[in-house]
Amino acid sequence: MLVLSRKKQEEIIVLTPQGEQILLKVIKINESSIRIGLEANPDYQIIRGELMGARSCRRRELVPVGNEPAHSEVG
């Protein structure tokens, strides 16, 4: 897992193997939580980890909606 420090309004950009960008931006920071904004191709599903279960969500490949494999783990 890559761990990065960011301040409010700072961004992280993830480049997919297809050359697309996923933008993560720190929107708000308070004592017990942070608010993160995500910008990605609408064909990608973005799902909170607790909705999928920690094990199935960890290090999954990004797959466009409609082309999902049964389950694909990386490394």
N, C-alpha and C. Protein backbone atom coordinates (compact mmCIF):
# COMPACT_ATOMS: atom_id res chain seq x y z
N MET A 1 0.84 -1.18 0.00
CA MET A 1 0.00 0.00 0.00
C MET A 1 0.89 1.24 0.00
N LEU A 2 0.59 2.15 -0.88
CA LEU A 2 1.27 3.44 -0.92
C LEU A 2 0.55 4.39 0.03
N VAL A 3 1.29 5.03 0.92
CA VAL A 3 0.70 5.97 1.87
C VAL A 3 1.27 7.35 1.58
N LEU A 4 0.39 8.31 1.35
CA LEU A 4 0.80 9.68 1.02
C LEU A 4 0.17 10.66 1.99
N SER A 5 0.87 11.74 2.27
CA SER A 5 0.31 12.83 3.07
C SER A 5 -0.15 13.93 2.12
N ARG A 6 -1.32 14.47 2.37
CA ARG A 6 -1.87 15.55 1.57
C ARG A 6 -2.50 16.56 2.50
N LYS A 7 -2.46 17.81 2.11
CA LYS A 7 -3.13 18.87 2.85
C LYS A 7 -4.43 19.21 2.13
N LYS A 8 -5.27 19.99 2.80
CA LYS A 8 -6.54 20.40 2.22
C LYS A 8 -6.31 21.02 0.84
N GLN A 9 -7.13 20.62 -0.12
CA GLN A 9 -7.14 21.06 -1.50
C GLN A 9 -6.00 20.46 -2.35
N GLU A 10 -5.15 19.62 -1.78
CA GLU A 10 -4.12 18.97 -2.57
C GLU A 10 -4.71 17.73 -3.24
N GLU A 11 -4.09 17.32 -4.34
CA GLU A 11 -4.63 16.24 -5.17
C GLU A 11 -3.64 15.11 -5.35
N ILE A 12 -4.18 13.96 -5.70
CA ILE A 12 -3.41 12.80 -6.13
C ILE A 12 -4.05 12.37 -7.45
N ILE A 13 -3.24 12.06 -8.44
CA ILE A 13 -3.75 11.60 -9.73
C ILE A 13 -3.27 10.17 -9.95
N VAL A 14 -4.19 9.28 -10.24
CA VAL A 14 -3.90 7.88 -10.55
C VAL A 14 -4.08 7.72 -12.05
N LEU A 15 -3.05 7.19 -12.71
CA LEU A 15 -3.14 6.91 -14.14
C LEU A 15 -3.46 5.44 -14.33
N THR A 16 -4.50 5.13 -15.09
CA THR A 16 -4.86 3.75 -15.36
C THR A 16 -3.99 3.20 -16.50
N PRO A 17 -3.94 1.89 -16.64
CA PRO A 17 -3.18 1.32 -17.77
C PRO A 17 -3.70 1.78 -19.13
N GLN A 18 -4.95 2.20 -19.18
CA GLN A 18 -5.54 2.69 -20.44
C GLN A 18 -5.22 4.17 -20.68
N GLY A 19 -4.48 4.80 -19.76
CA GLY A 19 -4.10 6.20 -19.93
C GLY A 19 -5.12 7.19 -19.38
N GLU A 20 -6.14 6.70 -18.72
CA GLU A 20 -7.13 7.60 -18.12
C GLU A 20 -6.63 8.06 -16.75
N GLN A 21 -7.20 9.15 -16.27
CA GLN A 21 -6.81 9.70 -14.97
C GLN A 21 -7.95 9.58 -13.98
N ILE A 22 -7.59 9.27 -12.73
CA ILE A 22 -8.53 9.31 -11.62
C ILE A 22 -7.96 10.34 -10.65
N LEU A 23 -8.74 11.36 -10.36
CA LEU A 23 -8.30 12.45 -9.50
C LEU A 23 -8.90 12.27 -8.11
N LEU A 24 -8.05 12.31 -7.09
CA LEU A 24 -8.47 12.28 -5.70
C LEU A 24 -8.05 13.60 -5.08
N LYS A 25 -8.97 14.30 -4.45
CA LYS A 25 -8.68 15.61 -3.88
C LYS A 25 -9.19 15.68 -2.44
N VAL A 26 -8.33 16.15 -1.54
CA VAL A 26 -8.73 16.34 -0.15
C VAL A 26 -9.60 17.60 -0.09
N ILE A 27 -10.85 17.44 0.26
CA ILE A 27 -11.81 18.55 0.27
C ILE A 27 -11.90 19.20 1.65
N LYS A 28 -12.01 18.36 2.69
CA LYS A 28 -12.22 18.89 4.03
C LYS A 28 -11.56 17.95 5.04
N ILE A 29 -10.96 18.53 6.06
CA ILE A 29 -10.34 17.75 7.12
C ILE A 29 -10.93 18.22 8.44
N ASN A 30 -11.41 17.27 9.24
CA ASN A 30 -11.81 17.62 10.60
C ASN A 30 -11.23 16.59 11.56
N GLU A 31 -11.57 16.67 12.82
CA GLU A 31 -10.91 15.87 13.85
C GLU A 31 -10.98 14.36 13.61
N SER A 32 -12.11 13.85 13.18
CA SER A 32 -12.27 12.41 13.08
C SER A 32 -12.43 11.87 11.66
N SER A 33 -12.43 12.74 10.66
CA SER A 33 -12.60 12.24 9.29
C SER A 33 -12.05 13.24 8.28
N ILE A 34 -11.94 12.75 7.05
CA ILE A 34 -11.59 13.64 5.95
C ILE A 34 -12.63 13.45 4.85
N ARG A 35 -12.81 14.45 4.03
CA ARG A 35 -13.72 14.36 2.88
C ARG A 35 -12.85 14.37 1.64
N ILE A 36 -13.03 13.36 0.81
CA ILE A 36 -12.22 13.20 -0.40
C ILE A 36 -13.13 13.30 -1.61
N GLY A 37 -12.72 14.06 -2.60
CA GLY A 37 -13.44 14.12 -3.87
C GLY A 37 -12.76 13.21 -4.87
N LEU A 38 -13.55 12.50 -5.67
CA LEU A 38 -13.04 11.61 -6.70
C LEU A 38 -13.61 12.01 -8.05
N GLU A 39 -12.73 12.09 -9.03
CA GLU A 39 -13.16 12.34 -10.40
C GLU A 39 -12.61 11.23 -11.26
N ALA A 40 -13.49 10.51 -11.95
CA ALA A 40 -13.07 9.39 -12.79
C ALA A 40 -14.04 9.25 -13.95
N ASN A 41 -13.63 8.50 -14.95
CA ASN A 41 -14.48 8.16 -16.06
C ASN A 41 -15.77 7.56 -15.51
N PRO A 42 -16.93 7.99 -15.97
CA PRO A 42 -18.18 7.48 -15.43
C PRO A 42 -18.38 5.99 -15.67
N ASP A 43 -17.58 5.37 -16.54
CA ASP A 43 -17.67 3.93 -16.76
C ASP A 43 -17.09 3.13 -15.61
N TYR A 44 -16.31 3.78 -14.72
CA TYR A 44 -15.72 3.08 -13.58
C TYR A 44 -16.65 3.15 -12.38
N GLN A 45 -16.74 2.05 -11.66
CA GLN A 45 -17.50 2.03 -10.41
C GLN A 45 -16.55 2.44 -9.29
N ILE A 46 -16.98 3.32 -8.42
CA ILE A 46 -16.23 3.70 -7.23
C ILE A 46 -17.09 3.29 -6.04
N ILE A 47 -16.59 2.34 -5.26
CA ILE A 47 -17.38 1.74 -4.19
C ILE A 47 -16.61 1.85 -2.88
N ARG A 48 -17.28 2.29 -1.83
CA ARG A 48 -16.66 2.34 -0.51
C ARG A 48 -16.31 0.93 -0.06
N GLY A 49 -15.15 0.80 0.58
CA GLY A 49 -14.65 -0.51 0.99
C GLY A 49 -15.60 -1.28 1.88
N GLU A 50 -16.28 -0.60 2.81
CA GLU A 50 -17.16 -1.33 3.72
C GLU A 50 -18.36 -1.93 3.00
N LEU A 51 -18.67 -1.45 1.79
CA LEU A 51 -19.78 -2.02 1.03
C LEU A 51 -19.37 -3.29 0.30
N MET A 52 -18.09 -3.47 0.05
CA MET A 52 -17.60 -4.66 -0.65
C MET A 52 -16.94 -5.66 0.28
N GLY A 53 -16.52 -5.21 1.46
CA GLY A 53 -15.74 -6.05 2.35
C GLY A 53 -14.27 -5.77 2.08
N ALA A 54 -13.50 -5.66 3.13
CA ALA A 54 -12.10 -5.25 2.99
C ALA A 54 -11.30 -6.20 2.10
N ARG A 55 -11.52 -7.49 2.19
CA ARG A 55 -10.70 -8.43 1.43
C ARG A 55 -10.96 -8.34 -0.07
N SER A 56 -12.22 -8.25 -0.48
CA SER A 56 -12.52 -8.25 -1.91
C SER A 56 -12.17 -6.93 -2.57
N CYS A 57 -12.07 -5.86 -1.79
CA CYS A 57 -11.80 -4.54 -2.35
C CYS A 57 -10.31 -4.25 -2.49
N ARG A 58 -9.47 -4.94 -1.71
CA ARG A 58 -8.05 -4.64 -1.65
C ARG A 58 -7.37 -4.88 -2.98
N ARG A 59 -6.69 -3.90 -3.51
CA ARG A 59 -5.83 -3.97 -4.69
C ARG A 59 -6.51 -4.57 -5.92
N ARG A 60 -7.79 -4.30 -6.09
CA ARG A 60 -8.49 -4.78 -7.29
C ARG A 60 -8.13 -3.92 -8.47
N GLU A 61 -8.13 -4.52 -9.64
CA GLU A 61 -7.91 -3.76 -10.86
C GLU A 61 -9.15 -2.93 -11.15
N LEU A 62 -8.95 -1.77 -11.76
CA LEU A 62 -10.09 -0.97 -12.21
C LEU A 62 -10.60 -1.58 -13.51
N VAL A 63 -11.88 -1.85 -13.57
CA VAL A 63 -12.47 -2.48 -14.73
C VAL A 63 -13.71 -1.69 -15.12
N PRO A 64 -13.84 -1.30 -16.40
CA PRO A 64 -15.04 -0.57 -16.81
C PRO A 64 -16.31 -1.37 -16.52
N VAL A 65 -17.38 -0.69 -16.19
CA VAL A 65 -18.67 -1.32 -15.91
C VAL A 65 -19.10 -2.13 -17.13
N GLY A 66 -19.60 -3.34 -16.90
CA GLY A 66 -20.04 -4.19 -17.98
C GLY A 66 -18.98 -5.16 -18.45
N ASN A 67 -17.72 -4.95 -18.06
CA ASN A 67 -16.63 -5.84 -18.46
C ASN A 67 -15.95 -6.46 -17.26
N GLU A 68 -16.67 -6.58 -16.13
CA GLU A 68 -16.05 -7.07 -14.91
C GLU A 68 -15.71 -8.55 -15.03
N PRO A 69 -14.47 -8.93 -14.64
CA PRO A 69 -14.18 -10.36 -14.53
C PRO A 69 -14.82 -10.89 -13.25
N ALA A 70 -14.84 -12.20 -13.07
CA ALA A 70 -15.42 -12.77 -11.86
C ALA A 70 -14.75 -12.19 -10.63
N HIS A 71 -13.43 -12.14 -10.62
CA HIS A 71 -12.68 -11.50 -9.54
C HIS A 71 -11.23 -11.43 -9.99
N SER A 72 -10.61 -10.29 -9.86
CA SER A 72 -9.25 -10.13 -10.33
C SER A 72 -8.42 -9.46 -9.26
N GLU A 73 -7.48 -10.17 -8.66
CA GLU A 73 -6.57 -9.62 -7.66
C GLU A 73 -5.24 -9.33 -8.33
N VAL A 74 -4.61 -8.26 -7.93
CA VAL A 74 -3.28 -7.89 -8.43
C VAL A 74 -2.27 -8.26 -7.37
N GLY A 75 -1.16 -8.92 -7.79
CA GLY A 75 -0.02 -9.24 -6.93
C GLY A 75 -0.41 -9.76 -5.64
